[in-house]
Amino acid sequence: MRKLGECTEEAYQMTHDGYLKLWQLSKPLLASFDAIFVDEAQDCTPAIMNIVLSQPCGKIFVGDPHQQIYTFRGAVNALFTVPHTHVFYLTQSFRFGVEIAYVGATILDVCKRVRKKTLVGGNHQSGIRGDAKGQVALLSRTNANVFDEAVRVTEGEVPSRIHLIGGIKSFGLDRIIDIWILLQPEEERRKQNLVIKDRFIRRWVHKEGFSGFKRYVTAAEDKELEAKIAVVEKYNIRIPELVQRIEKCHIEDLDFAEYILGTVHKAKGLEFDTVHVLDDFVKVPCARHNLPQLPHFRVESFSEDEWNLLYVAVTRAKKRLIMTKSLENILTLAGEYFLQAELTSSVLKTGVVRCCVGQCSNAIPVDTVLTMKKLPITYSNRKENKGGYLCHSCAEQRIGPLAFLTASPEQVRAMERTVENIVLPRHEALLFLVF
């Protein structure tokens, strides 16, 4: 909304939902159209649904219920709530190949118990191991983690060119600076002539200061401001320097950026050659064979939106998906351990080979036909699992009776059985105990 007259300055700040509600209240009539096509119908606002359903024409709703990620804003899934006459299923993706499709399908199967629908990839090559290909996107669940990654990739003598999805203005670096200024003592603000631009944040200078502002944001459950407060508290004195560096390294044309950074919410509908799924999504703490050590863990404990966010992140990739350790653990729940069989005679050509599992001391026996090898994989946090050969006991823990194709049951069971120690970060361990 704008003031009348020559002034072009915005008079009232309003969210997108606000002006959509105004449009709904005006009772628009779209009688000149034969049909209305609604995309992303899994995340429809009630206002838009009311407008569309009140029109005297045909309606076509298109969407994917597994990409519903805006329920926290009151969005509803029109695909399930609107009466329909015809349903058509689109199950093949032409964005990526079979390997990335398999990861997406496994999330639906293991985490959401969706087993009647299959996600099919295209014929072109894609992979989940190996180096990045083409344009690289770093996708996160939270803005705080996006800031962390922007700091990481822009440090060093030759900082990388970056593009923040949605533009640098929408990311809110100005508000991060304002919150940092609010954190400074009053004397320091006067000394450096620090002025808070945001009117809402500026009000807290004369009220309860930073601590009161933080309490308000927590009580209001404002996730956007909570993320910015977390960034300010983490980097504190470095904030002005880091914000300046990010602004300097940011370019508007994403085609010339070395890294594209953003949250999954911002990346919805986009696609990239290589996607790094960052490590702040919902976590599966260990592989399938170790889950009995965590009896409190259940995939059902997490909301559908959390699994949908992970699914959307994975399906942004076209050529290469760089996974987290947690994503690899999800694949193990479906039986995928990245193992391949090799002739034991070839494995032992250079001498004794020991099992690559950390706490296992078994050696690969010479009187077996085949030995399982764990393929190497590099995670999105840049840590590498170099893989290696598994003794037949550790192989049995992972693939069950299939291990008897590599050695006899007697040989397998004669080996010492290794129980791996599962060490979780303290906050994760407490979380699993609670839920």
Protein backbone atom coordinates (compact mmCIF):
# COMPACT_ATOMS: atom_id res chain seq x y z
CA MET A 1 0.00 0.00 0.00
CA ARG A 2 1.28 3.49 -0.83
CA LYS A 3 0.45 7.05 0.18
CA LEU A 4 -1.55 9.12 -2.28
CA GLY A 5 0.30 11.85 -4.11
CA GLU A 6 3.84 11.96 -5.37
CA CYS A 7 5.47 10.13 -2.44
CA THR A 8 6.55 6.64 -3.52
CA GLU A 9 7.75 5.54 -0.09
CA GLU A 10 5.91 2.57 1.43
CA ALA A 11 3.37 3.79 3.98
CA TYR A 12 2.46 0.47 5.56
CA GLN A 13 4.45 -2.70 5.95
CA MET A 14 2.40 -5.78 5.14
CA THR A 15 3.15 -9.47 4.73
CA HIS A 16 2.21 -11.40 1.61
CA ASP A 17 -0.60 -13.08 3.56
CA GLY A 18 -1.93 -9.61 4.41
CA TYR A 19 -2.54 -8.40 0.87
CA LEU A 20 -3.82 -11.84 -0.18
CA LYS A 21 -6.42 -11.53 2.59
CA LEU A 22 -7.36 -8.07 1.31
CA TRP A 23 -7.81 -9.51 -2.17
CA GLN A 24 -9.99 -12.31 -0.76
CA LEU A 25 -12.17 -9.80 1.12
CA SER A 26 -12.68 -7.86 -2.13
CA LYS A 27 -14.41 -11.00 -3.52
CA PRO A 28 -12.69 -11.00 -6.95
CA LEU A 29 -14.56 -12.53 -9.89
CA LEU A 30 -12.34 -14.19 -12.51
CA ALA A 31 -15.18 -14.96 -14.92
CA SER A 32 -13.12 -14.33 -18.06
CA PHE A 33 -11.07 -17.51 -17.52
CA ASP A 34 -12.06 -21.03 -18.58
CA ALA A 35 -9.85 -22.65 -15.94
CA ILE A 36 -7.55 -21.73 -13.07
CA PHE A 37 -4.28 -23.61 -12.67
CA VAL A 38 -2.89 -23.70 -9.10
CA ASP A 39 0.73 -24.81 -8.77
CA GLU A 40 2.35 -25.84 -5.45
CA ALA A 41 -1.14 -26.77 -4.27
CA GLN A 42 0.28 -28.74 -1.35
CA ASP A 43 1.07 -25.40 0.34
CA CYS A 44 -2.06 -23.36 -0.41
CA THR A 45 -3.13 -20.53 1.88
CA PRO A 46 -6.77 -20.66 3.02
CA ALA A 47 -7.33 -17.24 1.41
CA ILE A 48 -6.19 -18.42 -2.03
CA MET A 49 -8.21 -21.63 -1.71
CA ASN A 50 -11.33 -19.59 -0.94
CA ILE A 51 -10.73 -17.30 -3.93
CA VAL A 52 -10.13 -20.17 -6.36
CA LEU A 53 -13.00 -22.37 -5.20
CA SER A 54 -15.48 -19.49 -5.45
CA GLN A 55 -14.79 -18.99 -9.18
CA PRO A 56 -17.28 -20.30 -11.80
CA CYS A 57 -14.72 -22.17 -13.91
CA GLY A 58 -12.60 -25.31 -13.95
CA LYS A 59 -9.80 -25.75 -11.43
CA ILE A 60 -6.58 -27.73 -11.82
CA PHE A 61 -4.45 -28.31 -8.72
CA VAL A 62 -0.86 -29.50 -9.17
CA GLY A 63 1.58 -30.33 -6.40
CA ASP A 64 3.44 -32.92 -4.37
CA PRO A 65 2.14 -33.66 -0.85
CA HIS A 66 5.65 -34.73 0.15
CA GLN A 67 6.90 -31.21 -0.54
CA GLN A 68 4.53 -29.54 1.91
CA ILE A 69 6.83 -27.35 4.04
CA TYR A 70 4.72 -24.33 5.04
CA THR A 71 2.25 -25.75 7.56
CA PHE A 72 3.96 -23.58 10.19
CA ARG A 73 2.48 -20.59 8.33
CA GLY A 74 -1.01 -22.08 8.18
CA ALA A 75 -0.75 -23.53 4.67
CA VAL A 76 -3.06 -26.44 3.85
CA ASN A 77 -2.78 -29.26 1.34
CA ALA A 78 -5.41 -28.50 -1.31
CA LEU A 79 -4.65 -31.84 -3.00
CA PHE A 80 -6.26 -33.66 -0.06
CA THR A 81 -8.94 -31.14 0.95
CA VAL A 82 -10.52 -30.08 -2.36
CA PRO A 83 -13.11 -32.49 -3.88
CA HIS A 84 -11.88 -33.77 -7.24
CA THR A 85 -13.18 -35.55 -10.31
CA HIS A 86 -9.86 -36.81 -11.71
CA VAL A 87 -6.44 -37.59 -10.22
CA PHE A 88 -3.29 -38.03 -12.33
CA TYR A 89 -0.01 -39.18 -10.77
CA LEU A 90 3.36 -37.91 -12.01
CA THR A 91 5.98 -40.31 -10.64
CA GLN A 92 8.95 -39.78 -12.97
CA SER A 93 11.42 -36.96 -12.51
CA PHE A 94 13.36 -35.67 -15.50
CA ARG A 95 15.62 -33.58 -13.24
CA PHE A 96 17.86 -36.36 -11.93
CA GLY A 97 18.87 -39.96 -12.54
CA VAL A 98 18.14 -43.17 -10.69
CA GLU A 99 20.60 -42.78 -7.77
CA ILE A 100 19.22 -39.44 -6.55
CA ALA A 101 15.69 -40.74 -7.20
CA TYR A 102 16.51 -43.71 -4.96
CA VAL A 103 17.53 -41.43 -2.08
CA GLY A 104 14.29 -39.46 -2.40
CA ALA A 105 12.20 -42.64 -2.60
CA THR A 106 13.98 -44.05 0.46
CA ILE A 107 13.09 -40.96 2.53
CA LEU A 108 9.43 -41.52 1.58
CA ASP A 109 9.65 -45.23 2.35
CA VAL A 110 11.67 -45.24 5.57
CA CYS A 111 10.72 -41.92 7.15
CA LYS A 112 7.13 -41.41 5.94
CA ARG A 113 6.06 -45.04 5.39
CA VAL A 114 4.97 -44.26 1.82
CA ARG A 115 5.41 -47.59 0.06
CA LYS A 116 2.82 -47.62 -2.71
CA LYS A 117 4.42 -44.88 -4.80
CA THR A 118 7.76 -45.08 -6.58
CA LEU A 119 9.88 -42.10 -7.55
CA VAL A 120 11.54 -42.85 -10.90
CA GLY A 121 14.58 -40.99 -12.18
CA GLY A 122 15.44 -40.13 -15.77
CA ASN A 123 17.99 -41.81 -18.02
CA HIS A 124 20.74 -39.24 -17.51
CA GLN A 125 23.60 -39.89 -15.10
CA SER A 126 23.49 -38.70 -11.52
CA GLY A 127 25.32 -39.86 -8.42
CA ILE A 128 25.63 -39.63 -4.66
CA ARG A 129 29.37 -40.31 -4.42
CA GLY A 130 32.24 -38.41 -5.98
CA ASP A 131 33.16 -34.81 -6.63
CA ALA A 132 30.83 -31.91 -7.30
CA LYS A 133 29.73 -31.29 -10.88
CA GLY A 134 28.80 -27.91 -12.32
CA GLN A 135 26.91 -25.36 -10.26
CA VAL A 136 27.12 -26.00 -6.50
CA ALA A 137 24.33 -25.20 -4.03
CA LEU A 138 24.63 -25.47 -0.24
CA LEU A 139 21.14 -26.02 1.14
CA SER A 140 20.30 -25.65 4.80
CA ARG A 141 17.30 -25.94 7.07
CA THR A 142 17.96 -22.66 8.89
CA ASN A 143 19.22 -19.18 8.05
CA ALA A 144 21.74 -19.39 10.89
CA ASN A 145 23.44 -22.29 9.13
CA VAL A 146 23.35 -20.40 5.82
CA PHE A 147 25.27 -17.58 7.52
CA ASP A 148 27.81 -20.11 8.89
CA GLU A 149 28.41 -21.50 5.40
CA ALA A 150 28.68 -18.02 3.89
CA VAL A 151 31.38 -17.23 6.46
CA ARG A 152 33.22 -20.47 5.69
CA VAL A 153 33.30 -20.19 1.89
CA THR A 154 34.26 -16.50 1.87
CA GLU A 155 37.25 -16.81 4.19
CA GLY A 156 40.84 -17.22 3.03
CA GLU A 157 43.07 -15.29 0.66
CA VAL A 158 40.80 -15.89 -2.32
CA PRO A 159 37.20 -15.74 -1.05
CA SER A 160 34.56 -17.44 -3.17
CA ARG A 161 31.86 -15.61 -5.10
CA ILE A 162 28.50 -16.44 -3.54
CA HIS A 163 24.83 -15.91 -4.27
CA LEU A 164 22.20 -15.96 -1.53
CA ILE A 165 18.93 -17.40 -2.86
CA GLY A 166 16.30 -14.69 -2.83
CA GLY A 167 18.89 -11.92 -2.86
CA ILE A 168 21.10 -10.40 -0.20
CA LYS A 169 18.46 -7.88 0.89
CA SER A 170 15.89 -10.55 1.73
CA PHE A 171 18.47 -12.42 3.83
CA GLY A 172 18.40 -9.57 6.34
CA LEU A 173 22.05 -8.70 6.96
CA ASP A 174 20.92 -5.19 7.99
CA ARG A 175 18.86 -6.63 10.83
CA ILE A 176 21.80 -8.76 11.96
CA ILE A 177 23.86 -5.55 12.22
CA ASP A 178 21.00 -3.84 14.09
CA ILE A 179 20.75 -6.70 16.61
CA TRP A 180 24.54 -6.59 17.08
CA ILE A 181 24.33 -2.82 17.77
CA LEU A 182 21.54 -3.47 20.30
CA LEU A 183 23.88 -5.94 22.04
CA GLN A 184 26.57 -3.26 22.50
CA PRO A 185 26.75 -1.22 25.73
CA GLU A 186 25.17 2.24 25.47
CA GLU A 187 28.54 3.93 25.92
CA GLU A 188 30.00 1.93 23.03
CA ARG A 189 27.05 2.84 20.78
CA ARG A 190 27.61 6.54 21.49
CA LYS A 191 31.37 6.29 21.07
CA GLN A 192 31.15 4.62 17.64
CA ASN A 193 28.00 6.53 16.62
CA LEU A 194 26.16 3.24 16.01
CA VAL A 195 22.57 3.77 14.86
CA ILE A 196 19.91 1.04 14.63
CA LYS A 197 17.95 1.41 11.38
CA ASP A 198 15.11 -1.02 12.04
CA ARG A 199 12.35 0.81 13.93
CA PHE A 200 11.15 -2.26 15.83
CA ILE A 201 14.64 -3.22 17.04
CA ARG A 202 15.44 0.42 17.84
CA ARG A 203 12.51 0.57 20.29
CA TRP A 204 14.29 -1.91 22.57
CA VAL A 205 17.17 0.50 23.20
CA HIS A 206 14.91 2.49 25.56
CA LYS A 207 13.06 -0.55 26.92
CA GLU A 208 14.76 -3.72 28.15
CA GLY A 209 17.71 -3.78 25.77
CA PHE A 210 19.05 -6.91 24.09
CA SER A 211 17.96 -9.32 26.85
CA GLY A 212 14.37 -8.04 26.72
CA PHE A 213 14.38 -8.20 22.92
CA LYS A 214 15.60 -11.79 23.05
CA ARG A 215 12.92 -12.78 25.59
CA TYR A 216 10.24 -11.21 23.39
CA VAL A 217 11.44 -13.02 20.25
CA THR A 218 11.53 -16.36 22.11
CA ALA A 219 8.03 -15.85 23.51
CA ALA A 220 6.71 -14.81 20.08
CA GLU A 221 8.38 -17.86 18.46
CA ASP A 222 9.74 -15.64 15.70
CA LYS A 223 12.07 -18.15 14.01
CA GLU A 224 13.58 -15.57 11.67
CA LEU A 225 14.69 -13.25 14.47
CA GLU A 226 15.73 -16.20 16.64
CA ALA A 227 18.14 -17.26 13.88
CA LYS A 228 19.59 -13.75 13.63
CA ILE A 229 20.04 -13.53 17.41
CA ALA A 230 21.85 -16.90 17.32
CA VAL A 231 24.19 -15.56 14.62
CA VAL A 232 24.95 -12.40 16.62
CA GLU A 233 25.61 -14.35 19.82
CA LYS A 234 27.86 -16.82 18.01
CA TYR A 235 30.08 -14.33 16.16
CA ASN A 236 29.61 -11.25 18.39
CA ILE A 237 32.57 -8.90 17.84
CA ARG A 238 33.18 -10.27 14.33
CA ILE A 239 29.69 -9.44 13.02
CA PRO A 240 30.53 -6.12 11.25
CA GLU A 241 33.56 -7.63 9.51
CA LEU A 242 31.69 -10.81 8.46
CA VAL A 243 28.64 -8.95 7.17
CA GLN A 244 30.88 -6.65 5.14
CA ARG A 245 32.75 -9.66 3.72
CA ILE A 246 29.55 -11.46 2.74
CA GLU A 247 28.21 -8.31 1.06
CA LYS A 248 31.48 -7.89 -0.84
CA CYS A 249 31.52 -11.52 -2.06
CA HIS A 250 27.85 -11.64 -3.00
CA ILE A 251 26.92 -11.36 -6.68
CA GLU A 252 23.39 -10.94 -8.01
CA ASP A 253 23.77 -13.24 -11.03
CA LEU A 254 23.80 -16.78 -9.67
CA ASP A 255 25.22 -18.13 -12.95
CA PHE A 256 28.60 -16.61 -12.03
CA ALA A 257 28.58 -17.67 -8.37
CA GLU A 258 30.90 -20.42 -7.15
CA TYR A 259 28.46 -21.29 -4.37
CA ILE A 260 24.73 -20.74 -4.12
CA LEU A 261 23.50 -20.67 -0.54
CA GLY A 262 20.03 -20.72 0.94
CA THR A 263 17.41 -22.49 2.98
CA VAL A 264 15.25 -25.22 1.51
CA HIS A 265 12.25 -22.91 1.78
CA LYS A 266 13.99 -20.39 -0.50
CA ALA A 267 15.24 -23.13 -2.87
CA LYS A 268 11.79 -24.67 -3.37
CA GLY A 269 11.11 -25.00 -7.09
CA LEU A 270 14.77 -24.50 -8.06
CA GLU A 271 17.35 -27.03 -9.25
CA PHE A 272 21.15 -27.17 -9.22
CA ASP A 273 23.84 -29.39 -10.75
CA THR A 274 25.30 -30.31 -7.35
CA VAL A 275 23.54 -30.03 -4.00
CA HIS A 276 25.26 -30.26 -0.61
CA VAL A 277 22.60 -31.12 1.97
CA LEU A 278 23.94 -29.44 5.10
CA ASP A 279 23.95 -30.99 8.54
CA ASP A 280 21.13 -29.16 10.34
CA PHE A 281 18.21 -31.30 9.17
CA VAL A 282 16.46 -33.96 11.23
CA LYS A 283 18.93 -36.71 12.13
CA VAL A 284 18.93 -40.49 12.09
CA PRO A 285 21.75 -41.07 14.60
CA CYS A 286 23.19 -44.38 13.43
CA ALA A 287 22.98 -47.19 10.90
CA ARG A 288 20.26 -49.85 11.01
CA HIS A 289 22.37 -52.54 12.70
CA ASN A 290 23.13 -50.20 15.62
CA LEU A 291 19.61 -48.87 16.22
CA PRO A 292 18.83 -51.46 18.97
CA GLN A 293 21.28 -49.46 21.12
CA LEU A 294 18.90 -46.47 20.85
CA PRO A 295 15.49 -47.89 21.83
CA HIS A 296 14.00 -44.39 22.21
CA PHE A 297 14.62 -43.39 18.59
CA ARG A 298 11.64 -43.52 16.21
CA VAL A 299 11.33 -41.87 12.81
CA GLU A 300 7.66 -41.31 13.69
CA SER A 301 8.74 -38.95 16.49
CA PHE A 302 9.43 -36.19 13.96
CA SER A 303 6.80 -34.15 12.13
CA GLU A 304 6.10 -34.79 8.46
CA ASP A 305 7.31 -31.29 7.64
CA GLU A 306 10.81 -32.21 8.86
CA TRP A 307 11.03 -35.20 6.53
CA ASN A 308 9.47 -33.14 3.72
CA LEU A 309 12.22 -30.51 4.14
CA LEU A 310 14.86 -33.20 3.75
CA TYR A 311 13.05 -34.66 0.73
CA VAL A 312 12.84 -31.25 -0.96
CA ALA A 313 16.55 -30.62 -0.32
CA VAL A 314 17.56 -33.95 -1.87
CA THR A 315 15.37 -33.50 -4.94
CA ARG A 316 16.92 -30.12 -5.87
CA ALA A 317 20.00 -31.97 -7.23
CA LYS A 318 20.40 -32.76 -10.94
CA LYS A 319 23.83 -34.40 -11.29
CA ARG A 320 25.39 -34.88 -7.86
CA LEU A 321 24.00 -35.13 -4.34
CA ILE A 322 26.48 -34.68 -1.49
CA MET A 323 24.89 -36.29 1.55
CA THR A 324 25.16 -36.04 5.31
CA LYS A 325 26.06 -39.00 7.51
CA SER A 326 22.43 -38.97 8.66
CA LEU A 327 21.21 -39.40 5.07
CA GLU A 328 23.53 -42.37 4.68
CA ASN A 329 22.04 -43.82 7.87
CA ILE A 330 18.55 -43.45 6.39
CA LEU A 331 19.70 -45.47 3.38
CA THR A 332 20.94 -48.24 5.70
CA LEU A 333 17.40 -48.51 7.11
CA ALA A 334 16.42 -49.59 3.60
CA GLY A 335 19.38 -52.01 3.45
CA GLU A 336 21.81 -49.84 1.43
CA TYR A 337 25.30 -49.94 2.96
CA PHE A 338 27.36 -49.07 -0.14
CA LEU A 339 28.96 -52.51 -0.20
CA GLN A 340 30.38 -54.43 -3.13
CA ALA A 341 31.79 -57.96 -3.24
CA GLU A 342 35.38 -58.65 -4.30
CA LEU A 343 37.38 -61.87 -4.64
CA THR A 344 39.16 -62.57 -1.36
CA SER A 345 42.22 -63.79 -3.28
CA SER A 346 42.54 -60.30 -4.83
CA VAL A 347 41.93 -58.56 -1.51
CA LEU A 348 44.75 -60.46 0.22
CA LYS A 349 47.36 -60.10 -2.54
CA THR A 350 49.33 -57.58 -0.48
CA GLY A 351 49.10 -59.49 2.80
CA VAL A 352 46.87 -59.47 5.87
CA VAL A 353 43.88 -57.12 5.69
CA ARG A 354 41.92 -56.16 8.79
CA CYS A 355 38.28 -55.17 9.06
CA CYS A 356 37.69 -51.45 8.50
CA VAL A 357 35.07 -51.19 11.27
CA GLY A 358 36.56 -49.08 14.04
CA GLN A 359 36.26 -51.39 17.06
CA CYS A 360 36.69 -54.66 15.12
CA SER A 361 40.01 -56.55 15.30
CA ASN A 362 39.10 -59.38 12.91
CA ALA A 363 41.25 -60.11 9.86
CA ILE A 364 39.85 -61.18 6.50
CA PRO A 365 40.23 -65.00 6.41
CA VAL A 366 42.09 -66.53 3.46
CA ASP A 367 39.72 -69.50 3.09
CA THR A 368 36.69 -67.50 1.94
CA VAL A 369 35.57 -66.82 -1.61
CA LEU A 370 34.32 -63.24 -1.44
CA THR A 371 34.84 -60.23 0.82
CA MET A 372 32.57 -57.20 1.13
CA LYS A 373 34.08 -53.75 0.59
CA LYS A 374 32.56 -50.52 1.93
CA LEU A 375 32.81 -47.91 -0.81
CA PRO A 376 34.27 -44.50 0.14
CA ILE A 377 31.97 -41.53 0.56
CA THR A 378 32.55 -37.84 1.31
CA TYR A 379 29.91 -36.03 3.34
CA SER A 380 28.66 -32.47 3.00
CA ASN A 381 30.63 -31.43 6.13
CA ARG A 382 33.78 -32.40 4.16
CA LYS A 383 34.50 -35.43 6.36
CA GLU A 384 35.35 -38.59 4.48
CA ASN A 385 34.52 -42.21 5.16
CA LYS A 386 37.35 -43.93 3.33
CA GLY A 387 35.59 -47.27 3.45
CA GLY A 388 37.55 -50.51 3.34
CA TYR A 389 37.00 -54.23 3.69
CA LEU A 390 34.60 -55.77 6.21
CA CYS A 391 35.16 -59.02 8.03
CA HIS A 392 32.39 -61.52 7.40
CA SER A 393 30.92 -61.07 10.88
CA CYS A 394 30.54 -57.30 10.39
CA ALA A 395 29.15 -57.94 6.91
CA GLU A 396 26.51 -60.27 8.37
CA GLN A 397 25.42 -57.56 10.83
CA ARG A 398 24.73 -55.29 7.87
CA ILE A 399 23.36 -57.55 5.14
CA GLY A 400 22.17 -60.57 7.13
CA PRO A 401 22.15 -64.04 5.52
CA LEU A 402 23.51 -62.60 2.26
CA ALA A 403 26.88 -62.73 4.00
CA PHE A 404 26.69 -66.54 3.74
CA LEU A 405 27.22 -66.16 -0.01
CA THR A 406 30.72 -64.88 0.78
CA ALA A 407 31.63 -67.45 3.44
CA SER A 408 29.99 -70.42 5.12
CA PRO A 409 27.77 -69.80 8.17
CA GLU A 410 30.32 -71.65 10.31
CA GLN A 411 33.14 -69.37 9.16
CA VAL A 412 31.05 -66.25 9.78
CA ARG A 413 29.90 -67.28 13.25
CA ALA A 414 33.37 -68.39 14.29
CA MET A 415 34.53 -64.76 14.10
CA GLU A 416 34.41 -62.44 17.07
CA ARG A 417 31.30 -60.26 16.92
CA THR A 418 31.89 -56.53 17.29
CA VAL A 419 29.44 -54.20 19.02
CA GLU A 420 30.14 -50.65 17.89
CA ASN A 421 30.03 -47.84 20.45
CA ILE A 422 27.45 -45.21 19.54
CA VAL A 423 28.55 -41.81 20.81
CA LEU A 424 26.01 -39.03 20.31
CA PRO A 425 26.50 -35.32 20.95
CA ARG A 426 25.00 -34.57 24.37
CA HIS A 427 22.10 -32.48 23.02
CA GLU A 428 21.12 -35.25 20.59
CA ALA A 429 21.29 -37.92 23.27
CA LEU A 430 18.98 -35.88 25.52
CA LEU A 431 16.60 -35.30 22.62
CA PHE A 432 16.23 -39.01 21.91
CA LEU A 433 15.63 -39.71 25.61
CA VAL A 434 12.85 -37.10 25.69
CA PHE A 435 11.09 -38.36 22.58
